[in-house]
Amino acid sequence: QQKSEAEGKWHRVQVTNVQLTSYYTGFKEIMDLRTLWQQKQGK
């Protein structure tokens, strides 16, 4: 990341908490679900 982006993220992680984990956590859970759904649906 560019320095300005990283500095902004350091500020954000200080004034917020937990929310920054929502992106990856939700992404992982949806990808896991899509795999299970695809297996269930088959053809």
PDB file of all heavy atoms in Angstrom:
ATOM      1  N   GLN A   1       0.827  -1.200   0.000  1.00  0.00           N
ATOM      2  CA  GLN A   1       0.000   0.000   0.000  1.00  0.00           C
ATOM      3  C   GLN A   1       0.864   1.252   0.000  1.00  0.00           C
ATOM      4  O   GLN A   1       1.986   1.252   0.509  1.00  0.00           O
ATOM      5  CB  GLN A   1      -0.934   0.001   1.221  1.00  0.00           C
ATOM      6  CG  GLN A   1      -1.977  -1.097   1.180  1.00  0.00           C
ATOM      7  CD  GLN A   1      -2.882  -1.101   2.400  1.00  0.00           C
ATOM      8  OE1 GLN A   1      -2.884  -0.163   3.191  1.00  0.00           O
ATOM      9  NE2 GLN A   1      -3.654  -2.160   2.560  1.00  0.00           N
ATOM     10  N   GLN A   2       0.305   2.313  -0.570  1.00  0.00           N
ATOM     11  CA  GLN A   2       0.981   3.603  -0.530  1.00  0.00           C
ATOM     12  C   GLN A   2       1.026   4.115   0.910  1.00  0.00           C
ATOM     13  O   GLN A   2       0.185   3.768   1.742  1.00  0.00           O
ATOM     14  CB  GLN A   2       0.248   4.609  -1.417  1.00  0.00           C
ATOM     15  CG  GLN A   2       0.294   4.289  -2.901  1.00  0.00           C
ATOM     16  CD  GLN A   2       1.663   4.470  -3.517  1.00  0.00           C
ATOM     17  OE1 GLN A   2       2.392   5.379  -3.141  1.00  0.00           O
ATOM     18  NE2 GLN A   2       2.016   3.601  -4.441  1.00  0.00           N
ATOM     19  N   LYS A   3       2.002   4.952   1.196  1.00  0.00           N
ATOM     20  CA  LYS A   3       2.192   5.459   2.562  1.00  0.00           C
ATOM     21  C   LYS A   3       0.951   6.182   3.074  1.00  0.00           C
ATOM     22  O   LYS A   3       0.545   5.997   4.227  1.00  0.00           O
ATOM     23  CB  LYS A   3       3.393   6.409   2.605  1.00  0.00           C
ATOM     24  CG  LYS A   3       3.724   6.943   4.000  1.00  0.00           C
ATOM     25  CD  LYS A   3       5.003   7.758   3.971  1.00  0.00           C
ATOM     26  CE  LYS A   3       5.327   8.294   5.360  1.00  0.00           C
ATOM     27  NZ  LYS A   3       4.386   9.334   5.804  1.00  0.00           N
ATOM     28  N   SER A   4       0.304   6.993   2.220  1.00  0.00           N
ATOM     29  CA  SER A   4      -0.880   7.740   2.664  1.00  0.00           C
ATOM     30  C   SER A   4      -2.014   6.795   3.036  1.00  0.00           C
ATOM     31  O   SER A   4      -2.736   7.009   4.007  1.00  0.00           O
ATOM     32  CB  SER A   4      -1.343   8.715   1.567  1.00  0.00           C
ATOM     33  OG  SER A   4      -1.771   8.008   0.420  1.00  0.00           O
ATOM     34  N   GLU A   5      -2.174   5.703   2.259  1.00  0.00           N
ATOM     35  CA  GLU A   5      -3.213   4.726   2.549  1.00  0.00           C
ATOM     36  C   GLU A   5      -2.927   4.017   3.867  1.00  0.00           C
ATOM     37  O   GLU A   5      -3.820   3.803   4.689  1.00  0.00           O
ATOM     38  CB  GLU A   5      -3.306   3.712   1.409  1.00  0.00           C
ATOM     39  CG  GLU A   5      -4.355   2.627   1.606  1.00  0.00           C
ATOM     40  CD  GLU A   5      -5.773   3.128   1.500  1.00  0.00           C
ATOM     41  OE1 GLU A   5      -5.996   4.198   0.899  1.00  0.00           O
ATOM     42  OE2 GLU A   5      -6.678   2.453   2.031  1.00  0.00           O
ATOM     43  N   ALA A   6      -1.673   3.645   4.082  1.00  0.00           N
ATOM     44  CA  ALA A   6      -1.281   2.943   5.303  1.00  0.00           C
ATOM     45  C   ALA A   6      -1.451   3.839   6.539  1.00  0.00           C
ATOM     46  O   ALA A   6      -1.920   3.382   7.586  1.00  0.00           O
ATOM     47  CB  ALA A   6       0.161   2.459   5.187  1.00  0.00           C
ATOM     48  N   GLU A   7      -1.091   5.089   6.406  1.00  0.00           N
ATOM     49  CA  GLU A   7      -1.268   6.028   7.529  1.00  0.00           C
ATOM     50  C   GLU A   7      -2.750   6.172   7.858  1.00  0.00           C
ATOM     51  O   GLU A   7      -3.133   6.226   9.028  1.00  0.00           O
ATOM     52  CB  GLU A   7      -0.676   7.398   7.181  1.00  0.00           C
ATOM     53  CG  GLU A   7       0.850   7.450   7.149  1.00  0.00           C
ATOM     54  CD  GLU A   7       1.473   7.477   8.536  1.00  0.00           C
ATOM     55  OE1 GLU A   7       0.726   7.501   9.539  1.00  0.00           O
ATOM     56  OE2 GLU A   7       2.718   7.469   8.625  1.00  0.00           O
ATOM     57  N   GLY A   8      -3.580   6.247   6.827  1.00  0.00           N
ATOM     58  CA  GLY A   8      -5.021   6.346   7.051  1.00  0.00           C
ATOM     59  C   GLY A   8      -5.582   5.117   7.731  1.00  0.00           C
ATOM     60  O   GLY A   8      -6.454   5.202   8.604  1.00  0.00           O
ATOM     61  N   LYS A   9      -5.062   3.941   7.359  1.00  0.00           N
ATOM     62  CA  LYS A   9      -5.536   2.695   7.961  1.00  0.00           C
ATOM     63  C   LYS A   9      -5.078   2.585   9.416  1.00  0.00           C
ATOM     64  O   LYS A   9      -5.824   2.074  10.269  1.00  0.00           O
ATOM     65  CB  LYS A   9      -5.035   1.504   7.139  1.00  0.00           C
ATOM     66  CG  LYS A   9      -5.672   0.172   7.482  1.00  0.00           C
ATOM     67  CD  LYS A   9      -7.185   0.184   7.331  1.00  0.00           C
ATOM     68  CE  LYS A   9      -7.649   0.450   5.916  1.00  0.00           C
ATOM     69  NZ  LYS A   9      -7.322  -0.574   4.942  1.00  0.00           N
ATOM     70  N   TRP A  10      -3.871   3.072   9.712  1.00  0.00           N
ATOM     71  CA  TRP A  10      -3.401   3.074  11.105  1.00  0.00           C
ATOM     72  C   TRP A  10      -4.314   3.954  11.962  1.00  0.00           C
ATOM     73  O   TRP A  10      -4.674   3.602  13.079  1.00  0.00           O
ATOM     74  CB  TRP A  10      -1.954   3.537  11.191  1.00  0.00           C
ATOM     75  CG  TRP A  10      -1.486   3.747  12.604  1.00  0.00           C
ATOM     76  CD1 TRP A  10      -1.193   4.924  13.210  1.00  0.00           C
ATOM     77  CD2 TRP A  10      -1.304   2.728  13.611  1.00  0.00           C
ATOM     78  NE1 TRP A  10      -0.826   4.718  14.523  1.00  0.00           N
ATOM     79  CE2 TRP A  10      -0.888   3.375  14.795  1.00  0.00           C
ATOM     80  CE3 TRP A  10      -1.453   1.346  13.625  1.00  0.00           C
ATOM     81  CZ2 TRP A  10      -0.614   2.690  15.976  1.00  0.00           C
ATOM     82  CZ3 TRP A  10      -1.193   0.656  14.798  1.00  0.00           C
ATOM     83  CH2 TRP A  10      -0.782   1.315  15.951  1.00  0.00           C
ATOM     84  N   HIS A  11      -4.717   5.092  11.415  1.00  0.00           N
ATOM     85  CA  HIS A  11      -5.656   5.964  12.135  1.00  0.00           C
ATOM     86  C   HIS A  11      -6.983   5.240  12.335  1.00  0.00           C
ATOM     87  O   HIS A  11      -7.552   5.257  13.428  1.00  0.00           O
ATOM     88  CB  HIS A  11      -5.874   7.260  11.353  1.00  0.00           C
ATOM     89  CG  HIS A  11      -6.970   8.126  11.901  1.00  0.00           C
ATOM     90  ND1 HIS A  11      -6.856   8.815  13.093  1.00  0.00           N
ATOM     91  CD2 HIS A  11      -8.227   8.388  11.433  1.00  0.00           C
ATOM     92  CE1 HIS A  11      -7.983   9.466  13.331  1.00  0.00           C
ATOM     93  NE2 HIS A  11      -8.825   9.227  12.337  1.00  0.00           N
ATOM     94  N   ARG A  12      -7.434   4.575  11.288  1.00  0.00           N
ATOM     95  CA  ARG A  12      -8.744   3.906  11.348  1.00  0.00           C
ATOM     96  C   ARG A  12      -8.760   2.780  12.377  1.00  0.00           C
ATOM     97  O   ARG A  12      -9.751   2.602  13.098  1.00  0.00           O
ATOM     98  CB  ARG A  12      -9.101   3.374   9.966  1.00  0.00           C
ATOM     99  CG  ARG A  12     -10.472   2.714   9.882  1.00  0.00           C
ATOM    100  CD  ARG A  12     -10.820   2.420   8.446  1.00  0.00           C
ATOM    101  NE  ARG A  12     -12.024   1.609   8.320  1.00  0.00           N
ATOM    102  CZ  ARG A  12     -12.528   1.200   7.164  1.00  0.00           C
ATOM    103  NH1 ARG A  12     -11.928   1.546   6.036  1.00  0.00           N
ATOM    104  NH2 ARG A  12     -13.619   0.457   7.120  1.00  0.00           N
ATOM    105  N   VAL A  13      -7.673   2.007  12.458  1.00  0.00           N
ATOM    106  CA  VAL A  13      -7.654   0.884  13.392  1.00  0.00           C
ATOM    107  C   VAL A  13      -7.587   1.369  14.839  1.00  0.00           C
ATOM    108  O   VAL A  13      -7.927   0.634  15.763  1.00  0.00           O
ATOM    109  CB  VAL A  13      -6.482  -0.079  13.081  1.00  0.00           C
ATOM    110  CG1 VAL A  13      -5.147   0.448  13.615  1.00  0.00           C
ATOM    111  CG2 VAL A  13      -6.768  -1.471  13.643  1.00  0.00           C
ATOM    112  N   GLN A  14      -7.187   2.620  15.029  1.00  0.00           N
ATOM    113  CA  GLN A  14      -7.180   3.179  16.377  1.00  0.00           C
ATOM    114  C   GLN A  14      -8.559   3.684  16.794  1.00  0.00           C
ATOM    115  O   GLN A  14      -8.942   3.554  17.962  1.00  0.00           O
ATOM    116  CB  GLN A  14      -6.176   4.338  16.464  1.00  0.00           C
ATOM    117  CG  GLN A  14      -4.718   3.916  16.312  1.00  0.00           C
ATOM    118  CD  GLN A  14      -3.801   5.119  16.296  1.00  0.00           C
ATOM    119  OE1 GLN A  14      -3.300   5.560  17.320  1.00  0.00           O
ATOM    120  NE2 GLN A  14      -3.594   5.678  15.113  1.00  0.00           N
ATOM    121  N   VAL A  15      -9.297   4.275  15.847  1.00  0.00           N
ATOM    122  CA  VAL A  15     -10.594   4.868  16.200  1.00  0.00           C
ATOM    123  C   VAL A  15     -11.762   3.917  15.972  1.00  0.00           C
ATOM    124  O   VAL A  15     -12.896   4.224  16.325  1.00  0.00           O
ATOM    125  CB  VAL A  15     -10.847   6.193  15.439  1.00  0.00           C
ATOM    126  CG1 VAL A  15      -9.793   7.223  15.802  1.00  0.00           C
ATOM    127  CG2 VAL A  15     -10.894   5.970  13.932  1.00  0.00           C
ATOM    128  N   THR A  16     -11.507   2.744  15.355  1.00  0.00           N
ATOM    129  CA  THR A  16     -12.544   1.717  15.213  1.00  0.00           C
ATOM    130  C   THR A  16     -11.966   0.397  15.717  1.00  0.00           C
ATOM    131  O   THR A  16     -10.751   0.259  15.892  1.00  0.00           O
ATOM    132  CB  THR A  16     -12.996   1.536  13.745  1.00  0.00           C
ATOM    133  OG1 THR A  16     -11.930   0.949  12.985  1.00  0.00           O
ATOM    134  CG2 THR A  16     -13.399   2.858  13.125  1.00  0.00           C
ATOM    135  N   ASN A  17     -12.816  -0.569  15.939  1.00  0.00           N
ATOM    136  CA  ASN A  17     -12.344  -1.905  16.287  1.00  0.00           C
ATOM    137  C   ASN A  17     -13.357  -2.940  15.818  1.00  0.00           C
ATOM    138  O   ASN A  17     -14.539  -2.655  15.706  1.00  0.00           O
ATOM    139  CB  ASN A  17     -12.090  -2.037  17.800  1.00  0.00           C
ATOM    140  CG  ASN A  17     -13.181  -1.400  18.626  1.00  0.00           C
ATOM    141  OD1 ASN A  17     -14.354  -1.762  18.517  1.00  0.00           O
ATOM    142  ND2 ASN A  17     -12.810  -0.433  19.466  1.00  0.00           N
ATOM    143  N   VAL A  18     -12.863  -4.122  15.487  1.00  0.00           N
ATOM    144  CA  VAL A  18     -13.626  -5.279  15.025  1.00  0.00           C
ATOM    145  C   VAL A  18     -14.128  -5.097  13.579  1.00  0.00           C
ATOM    146  O   VAL A  18     -14.056  -6.025  12.777  1.00  0.00           O
ATOM    147  CB  VAL A  18     -14.802  -5.616  15.978  1.00  0.00           C
ATOM    148  CG1 VAL A  18     -15.662  -6.749  15.418  1.00  0.00           C
ATOM    149  CG2 VAL A  18     -14.278  -6.022  17.354  1.00  0.00           C
ATOM    150  N   GLN A  19     -14.638  -3.922  13.230  1.00  0.00           N
ATOM    151  CA  GLN A  19     -15.254  -3.726  11.913  1.00  0.00           C
ATOM    152  C   GLN A  19     -14.316  -4.093  10.765  1.00  0.00           C
ATOM    153  O   GLN A  19     -14.745  -4.647   9.752  1.00  0.00           O
ATOM    154  CB  GLN A  19     -15.736  -2.280  11.760  1.00  0.00           C
ATOM    155  CG  GLN A  19     -16.636  -2.028  10.546  1.00  0.00           C
ATOM    156  CD  GLN A  19     -15.863  -1.709   9.280  1.00  0.00           C
ATOM    157  OE1 GLN A  19     -14.735  -1.230   9.332  1.00  0.00           O
ATOM    158  NE2 GLN A  19     -16.467  -1.973   8.126  1.00  0.00           N
ATOM    159  N   LEU A  20     -13.032  -3.823  10.924  1.00  0.00           N
ATOM    160  CA  LEU A  20     -12.088  -4.107   9.848  1.00  0.00           C
ATOM    161  C   LEU A  20     -11.963  -5.599   9.549  1.00  0.00           C
ATOM    162  O   LEU A  20     -11.477  -5.982   8.485  1.00  0.00           O
ATOM    163  CB  LEU A  20     -10.702  -3.532  10.188  1.00  0.00           C
ATOM    164  CG  LEU A  20     -10.498  -2.044   9.875  1.00  0.00           C
ATOM    165  CD1 LEU A  20      -9.177  -1.549  10.448  1.00  0.00           C
ATOM    166  CD2 LEU A  20     -10.548  -1.788   8.378  1.00  0.00           C
ATOM    167  N   THR A  21     -12.403  -6.451  10.468  1.00  0.00           N
ATOM    168  CA  THR A  21     -12.356  -7.895  10.212  1.00  0.00           C
ATOM    169  C   THR A  21     -13.558  -8.370   9.397  1.00  0.00           C
ATOM    170  O   THR A  21     -13.571  -9.513   8.926  1.00  0.00           O
ATOM    171  CB  THR A  21     -12.326  -8.695  11.525  1.00  0.00           C
ATOM    172  OG1 THR A  21     -13.579  -8.542  12.208  1.00  0.00           O
ATOM    173  CG2 THR A  21     -11.196  -8.251  12.437  1.00  0.00           C
ATOM    174  N   SER A  22     -14.562  -7.524   9.254  1.00  0.00           N
ATOM    175  CA  SER A  22     -15.804  -7.952   8.612  1.00  0.00           C
ATOM    176  C   SER A  22     -15.594  -8.303   7.140  1.00  0.00           C
ATOM    177  O   SER A  22     -16.241  -9.212   6.611  1.00  0.00           O
ATOM    178  CB  SER A  22     -16.882  -6.871   8.754  1.00  0.00           C
ATOM    179  OG  SER A  22     -16.473  -5.664   8.143  1.00  0.00           O
ATOM    180  N   TYR A  23     -14.673  -7.612   6.465  1.00  0.00           N
ATOM    181  CA  TYR A  23     -14.459  -7.819   5.032  1.00  0.00           C
ATOM    182  C   TYR A  23     -13.993  -9.249   4.744  1.00  0.00           C
ATOM    183  O   TYR A  23     -14.608  -9.974   3.952  1.00  0.00           O
ATOM    184  CB  TYR A  23     -13.415  -6.830   4.493  1.00  0.00           C
ATOM    185  CG  TYR A  23     -13.740  -5.390   4.768  1.00  0.00           C
ATOM    186  CD1 TYR A  23     -13.377  -4.783   5.975  1.00  0.00           C
ATOM    187  CD2 TYR A  23     -14.415  -4.615   3.828  1.00  0.00           C
ATOM    188  CE1 TYR A  23     -13.675  -3.453   6.234  1.00  0.00           C
ATOM    189  CE2 TYR A  23     -14.713  -3.283   4.068  1.00  0.00           C
ATOM    190  CZ  TYR A  23     -14.340  -2.711   5.282  1.00  0.00           C
ATOM    191  OH  TYR A  23     -14.641  -1.407   5.531  1.00  0.00           O
ATOM    192  N   TYR A  24     -12.898  -9.633   5.391  1.00  0.00           N
ATOM    193  CA  TYR A  24     -12.352 -10.958   5.115  1.00  0.00           C
ATOM    194  C   TYR A  24     -13.232 -12.063   5.704  1.00  0.00           C
ATOM    195  O   TYR A  24     -13.445 -13.098   5.059  1.00  0.00           O
ATOM    196  CB  TYR A  24     -10.925 -11.084   5.670  1.00  0.00           C
ATOM    197  CG  TYR A  24     -10.372 -12.475   5.459  1.00  0.00           C
ATOM    198  CD1 TYR A  24      -9.949 -12.871   4.193  1.00  0.00           C
ATOM    199  CD2 TYR A  24     -10.322 -13.399   6.497  1.00  0.00           C
ATOM    200  CE1 TYR A  24      -9.480 -14.161   3.968  1.00  0.00           C
ATOM    201  CE2 TYR A  24      -9.857 -14.689   6.282  1.00  0.00           C
ATOM    202  CZ  TYR A  24      -9.430 -15.065   5.010  1.00  0.00           C
ATOM    203  OH  TYR A  24      -8.986 -16.339   4.792  1.00  0.00           O
ATOM    204  N   THR A  25     -13.753 -11.847   6.906  1.00  0.00           N
ATOM    205  CA  THR A  25     -14.584 -12.879   7.533  1.00  0.00           C
ATOM    206  C   THR A  25     -15.801 -13.193   6.669  1.00  0.00           C
ATOM    207  O   THR A  25     -16.116 -14.355   6.399  1.00  0.00           O
ATOM    208  CB  THR A  25     -15.035 -12.437   8.933  1.00  0.00           C
ATOM    209  OG1 THR A  25     -13.891 -12.087   9.719  1.00  0.00           O
ATOM    210  CG2 THR A  25     -15.790 -13.552   9.640  1.00  0.00           C
ATOM    211  N   GLY A  26     -16.509 -12.155   6.228  1.00  0.00           N
ATOM    212  CA  GLY A  26     -17.679 -12.364   5.373  1.00  0.00           C
ATOM    213  C   GLY A  26     -17.309 -13.007   4.050  1.00  0.00           C
ATOM    214  O   GLY A  26     -18.009 -13.899   3.549  1.00  0.00           O
ATOM    215  N   PHE A  27     -16.209 -12.565   3.462  1.00  0.00           N
ATOM    216  CA  PHE A  27     -15.724 -13.124   2.198  1.00  0.00           C
ATOM    217  C   PHE A  27     -15.448 -14.620   2.341  1.00  0.00           C
ATOM    218  O   PHE A  27     -15.891 -15.426   1.517  1.00  0.00           O
ATOM    219  CB  PHE A  27     -14.453 -12.384   1.783  1.00  0.00           C
ATOM    220  CG  PHE A  27     -13.652 -13.037   0.696  1.00  0.00           C
ATOM    221  CD1 PHE A  27     -14.118 -13.083  -0.610  1.00  0.00           C
ATOM    222  CD2 PHE A  27     -12.411 -13.610   0.978  1.00  0.00           C
ATOM    223  CE1 PHE A  27     -13.364 -13.678  -1.618  1.00  0.00           C
ATOM    224  CE2 PHE A  27     -11.656 -14.205  -0.024  1.00  0.00           C
ATOM    225  CZ  PHE A  27     -12.131 -14.245  -1.320  1.00  0.00           C
ATOM    226  N   LYS A  28     -14.739 -15.002   3.393  1.00  0.00           N
ATOM    227  CA  LYS A  28     -14.411 -16.414   3.607  1.00  0.00           C
ATOM    228  C   LYS A  28     -15.679 -17.240   3.788  1.00  0.00           C
ATOM    229  O   LYS A  28     -15.819 -18.326   3.205  1.00  0.00           O
ATOM    230  CB  LYS A  28     -13.503 -16.567   4.825  1.00  0.00           C
ATOM    231  CG  LYS A  28     -13.261 -18.031   5.216  1.00  0.00           C
ATOM    232  CD  LYS A  28     -12.300 -18.177   6.361  1.00  0.00           C
ATOM    233  CE  LYS A  28     -12.268 -19.605   6.899  1.00  0.00           C
ATOM    234  NZ  LYS A  28     -12.042 -20.622   5.843  1.00  0.00           N
ATOM    235  N   GLU A  29     -16.617 -16.725   4.569  1.00  0.00           N
ATOM    236  CA  GLU A  29     -17.838 -17.486   4.834  1.00  0.00           C
ATOM    237  C   GLU A  29     -18.676 -17.650   3.572  1.00  0.00           C
ATOM    238  O   GLU A  29     -19.287 -18.711   3.357  1.00  0.00           O
ATOM    239  CB  GLU A  29     -18.645 -16.817   5.945  1.00  0.00           C
ATOM    240  CG  GLU A  29     -17.961 -16.899   7.304  1.00  0.00           C
ATOM    241  CD  GLU A  29     -18.851 -16.472   8.453  1.00  0.00           C
ATOM    242  OE1 GLU A  29     -19.474 -15.400   8.344  1.00  0.00           O
ATOM    243  OE2 GLU A  29     -18.925 -17.205   9.441  1.00  0.00           O
ATOM    244  N   ILE A  30     -18.733 -16.613   2.728  1.00  0.00           N
ATOM    245  CA  ILE A  30     -19.508 -16.713   1.486  1.00  0.00           C
ATOM    246  C   ILE A  30     -18.841 -17.677   0.510  1.00  0.00           C
ATOM    247  O   ILE A  30     -19.520 -18.485  -0.137  1.00  0.00           O
ATOM    248  CB  ILE A  30     -19.701 -15.326   0.843  1.00  0.00           C
ATOM    249  CG1 ILE A  30     -20.562 -14.437   1.745  1.00  0.00           C
ATOM    250  CG2 ILE A  30     -20.352 -15.451  -0.537  1.00  0.00           C
ATOM    251  CD1 ILE A  30     -20.645 -12.988   1.313  1.00  0.00           C
ATOM    252  N   MET A  31     -17.529 -17.621   0.404  1.00  0.00           N
ATOM    253  CA  MET A  31     -16.821 -18.552  -0.482  1.00  0.00           C
ATOM    254  C   MET A  31     -17.004 -19.994  -0.016  1.00  0.00           C
ATOM    255  O   MET A  31     -17.214 -20.902  -0.835  1.00  0.00           O
ATOM    256  CB  MET A  31     -15.331 -18.192  -0.524  1.00  0.00           C
ATOM    257  CG  MET A  31     -15.027 -16.886  -1.244  1.00  0.00           C
ATOM    258  SD  MET A  31     -15.507 -16.866  -2.990  1.00  0.00           S
ATOM    259  CE  MET A  31     -14.369 -18.083  -3.662  1.00  0.00           C
ATOM    260  N   ASP A  32     -16.932 -20.201   1.307  1.00  0.00           N
ATOM    261  CA  ASP A  32     -17.172 -21.546   1.854  1.00  0.00           C
ATOM    262  C   ASP A  32     -18.591 -22.022   1.519  1.00  0.00           C
ATOM    263  O   ASP A  32     -18.796 -23.178   1.125  1.00  0.00           O
ATOM    264  CB  ASP A  32     -16.986 -21.543   3.378  1.00  0.00           C
ATOM    265  CG  ASP A  32     -15.538 -21.359   3.795  1.00  0.00           C
ATOM    266  OD1 ASP A  32     -14.648 -21.446   2.929  1.00  0.00           O
ATOM    267  OD2 ASP A  32     -15.297 -21.118   4.996  1.00  0.00           O
ATOM    268  N   LEU A  33     -19.559 -21.117   1.672  1.00  0.00           N
ATOM    269  CA  LEU A  33     -20.950 -21.466   1.400  1.00  0.00           C
ATOM    270  C   LEU A  33     -21.162 -21.766  -0.074  1.00  0.00           C
ATOM    271  O   LEU A  33     -21.883 -22.712  -0.434  1.00  0.00           O
ATOM    272  CB  LEU A  33     -21.873 -20.326   1.857  1.00  0.00           C
ATOM    273  CG  LEU A  33     -23.364 -20.474   1.505  1.00  0.00           C
ATOM    274  CD1 LEU A  33     -23.938 -21.771   2.055  1.00  0.00           C
ATOM    275  CD2 LEU A  33     -24.151 -19.271   2.044  1.00  0.00           C
ATOM    276  N   ARG A  34     -20.550 -20.976  -0.946  1.00  0.00           N
ATOM    277  CA  ARG A  34     -20.727 -21.214  -2.391  1.00  0.00           C
ATOM    278  C   ARG A  34     -20.214 -22.603  -2.778  1.00  0.00           C
ATOM    279  O   ARG A  34     -20.839 -23.295  -3.595  1.00  0.00           O
ATOM    280  CB  ARG A  34     -20.008 -20.138  -3.207  1.00  0.00           C
ATOM    281  CG  ARG A  34     -20.339 -20.217  -4.698  1.00  0.00           C
ATOM    282  CD  ARG A  34     -19.715 -19.099  -5.507  1.00  0.00           C
ATOM    283  NE  ARG A  34     -18.275 -19.275  -5.679  1.00  0.00           N
ATOM    284  CZ  ARG A  34     -17.532 -18.529  -6.484  1.00  0.00           C
ATOM    285  NH1 ARG A  34     -18.081 -17.545  -7.191  1.00  0.00           N
ATOM    286  NH2 ARG A  34     -16.225 -18.730  -6.575  1.00  0.00           N
ATOM    287  N   THR A  35     -19.101 -23.005  -2.179  1.00  0.00           N
ATOM    288  CA  THR A  35     -18.563 -24.337  -2.461  1.00  0.00           C
ATOM    289  C   THR A  35     -19.540 -25.426  -2.022  1.00  0.00           C
ATOM    290  O   THR A  35     -19.810 -26.388  -2.764  1.00  0.00           O
ATOM    291  CB  THR A  35     -17.213 -24.525  -1.738  1.00  0.00           C
ATOM    292  OG1 THR A  35     -16.281 -23.542  -2.209  1.00  0.00           O
ATOM    293  CG2 THR A  35     -16.645 -25.912  -1.997  1.00  0.00           C
ATOM    294  N   LEU A  36     -20.097 -25.262  -0.816  1.00  0.00           N
ATOM    295  CA  LEU A  36     -21.073 -26.242  -0.317  1.00  0.00           C
ATOM    296  C   LEU A  36     -22.332 -26.262  -1.176  1.00  0.00           C
ATOM    297  O   LEU A  36     -22.887 -27.328  -1.474  1.00  0.00           O
ATOM    298  CB  LEU A  36     -21.438 -25.911   1.142  1.00  0.00           C
ATOM    299  CG  LEU A  36     -20.332 -26.107   2.176  1.00  0.00           C
ATOM    300  CD1 LEU A  36     -20.774 -25.561   3.542  1.00  0.00           C
ATOM    301  CD2 LEU A  36     -19.955 -27.582   2.296  1.00  0.00           C
ATOM    302  N   TRP A  37     -22.806 -25.087  -1.590  1.00  0.00           N
ATOM    303  CA  TRP A  37     -24.008 -24.982  -2.420  1.00  0.00           C
ATOM    304  C   TRP A  37     -23.781 -25.632  -3.784  1.00  0.00           C
ATOM    305  O   TRP A  37     -24.658 -26.326  -4.314  1.00  0.00           O
ATOM    306  CB  TRP A  37     -24.384 -23.514  -2.583  1.00  0.00           C
ATOM    307  CG  TRP A  37     -25.580 -23.264  -3.453  1.00  0.00           C
ATOM    308  CD1 TRP A  37     -25.576 -22.825  -4.740  1.00  0.00           C
ATOM    309  CD2 TRP A  37     -26.953 -23.449  -3.106  1.00  0.00           C
ATOM    310  NE1 TRP A  37     -26.853 -22.711  -5.222  1.00  0.00           N
ATOM    311  CE2 TRP A  37     -27.731 -23.087  -4.232  1.00  0.00           C
ATOM    312  CE3 TRP A  37     -27.607 -23.874  -1.955  1.00  0.00           C
ATOM    313  CZ2 TRP A  37     -29.119 -23.144  -4.241  1.00  0.00           C
ATOM    314  CZ3 TRP A  37     -28.991 -23.930  -1.965  1.00  0.00           C
ATOM    315  CH2 TRP A  37     -29.733 -23.570  -3.088  1.00  0.00           C
ATOM    316  N   GLN A  38     -22.597 -25.416  -4.339  1.00  0.00           N
ATOM    317  CA  GLN A  38     -22.276 -25.990  -5.643  1.00  0.00           C
ATOM    318  C   GLN A  38     -22.255 -27.523  -5.560  1.00  0.00           C
ATOM    319  O   GLN A  38     -22.751 -28.204  -6.463  1.00  0.00           O
ATOM    320  CB  GLN A  38     -20.918 -25.471  -6.106  1.00  0.00           C
ATOM    321  CG  GLN A  38     -20.597 -25.791  -7.562  1.00  0.00           C
ATOM    322  CD  GLN A  38     -19.396 -25.012  -8.068  1.00  0.00           C
ATOM    323  OE1 GLN A  38     -18.776 -24.256  -7.327  1.00  0.00           O
ATOM    324  NE2 GLN A  38     -19.062 -25.190  -9.328  1.00  0.00           N
ATOM    325  N   GLN A  39     -21.697 -28.046  -4.471  1.00  0.00           N
ATOM    326  CA  GLN A  39     -21.675 -29.490  -4.271  1.00  0.00           C
ATOM    327  C   GLN A  39     -23.087 -30.053  -4.142  1.00  0.00           C
ATOM    328  O   GLN A  39     -23.404 -31.112  -4.695  1.00  0.00           O
ATOM    329  CB  GLN A  39     -20.853 -29.828  -3.024  1.00  0.00           C
ATOM    330  CG  GLN A  39     -19.364 -29.551  -3.169  1.00  0.00           C
ATOM    331  CD  GLN A  39     -18.612 -29.660  -1.857  1.00  0.00           C
ATOM    332  OE1 GLN A  39     -19.213 -29.830  -0.785  1.00  0.00           O
ATOM    333  NE2 GLN A  39     -17.295 -29.560  -1.914  1.00  0.00           N
ATOM    334  N   LYS A  40     -23.941 -29.321  -3.436  1.00  0.00           N
ATOM    335  CA  LYS A  40     -25.315 -29.771  -3.229  1.00  0.00           C
ATOM    336  C   LYS A  40     -26.117 -29.729  -4.533  1.00  0.00           C
ATOM    337  O   LYS A  40     -26.923 -30.640  -4.806  1.00  0.00           O
ATOM    338  CB  LYS A  40     -25.990 -28.902  -2.166  1.00  0.00           C
ATOM    339  CG  LYS A  40     -27.419 -29.326  -1.848  1.00  0.00           C
ATOM    340  CD  LYS A  40     -28.041 -28.434  -0.776  1.00  0.00           C
ATOM    341  CE  LYS A  40     -29.480 -28.858  -0.497  1.00  0.00           C
ATOM    342  NZ  LYS A  40     -30.131 -28.021   0.530  1.00  0.00           N
ATOM    343  N   GLN A  41     -25.907 -28.693  -5.340  1.00  0.00           N
ATOM    344  CA  GLN A  41     -26.678 -28.531  -6.578  1.00  0.00           C
ATOM    345  C   GLN A  41     -26.188 -29.427  -7.714  1.00  0.00           C
ATOM    346  O   GLN A  41     -26.966 -29.800  -8.596  1.00  0.00           O
ATOM    347  CB  GLN A  41     -26.623 -27.063  -7.029  1.00  0.00           C
ATOM    348  CG  GLN A  41     -27.315 -26.103  -6.085  1.00  0.00           C
ATOM    349  CD  GLN A  41     -28.810 -26.331  -6.018  1.00  0.00           C
ATOM    350  OE1 GLN A  41     -29.501 -26.286  -7.024  1.00  0.00           O
ATOM    351  NE2 GLN A  41     -29.309 -26.591  -4.819  1.00  0.00           N
ATOM    352  N   GLY A  42     -24.886 -29.742  -7.695  1.00  0.00           N
ATOM    353  CA  GLY A  42     -24.345 -30.601  -8.749  1.00  0.00           C
ATOM    354  C   GLY A  42     -24.500 -29.990 -10.126  1.00  0.00           C
ATOM    355  O   GLY A  42     -24.155 -28.835 -10.362  1.00  0.00           O
ATOM    356  N   LYS A  43     -25.073 -30.744 -11.059  1.00  0.00           N
ATOM    357  CA  LYS A  43     -25.235 -30.286 -12.446  1.00  0.00           C
ATOM    358  C   LYS A  43     -26.212 -29.120 -12.559  1.00  0.00           C
ATOM    359  O   LYS A  43     -26.217 -28.397 -13.559  1.00  0.00           O
ATOM    360  CB  LYS A  43     -25.707 -31.442 -13.325  1.00  0.00           C
ATOM    361  CG  LYS A  43     -24.690 -32.565 -13.474  1.00  0.00           C
ATOM    362  CD  LYS A  43     -25.231 -33.680 -14.358  1.00  0.00           C
ATOM    363  CE  LYS A  43     -24.225 -34.822 -14.505  1.00  0.00           C
ATOM    364  NZ  LYS A  43     -24.766 -35.919 -15.340  1.00  0.00           N
TER     365      LYS A  43
END
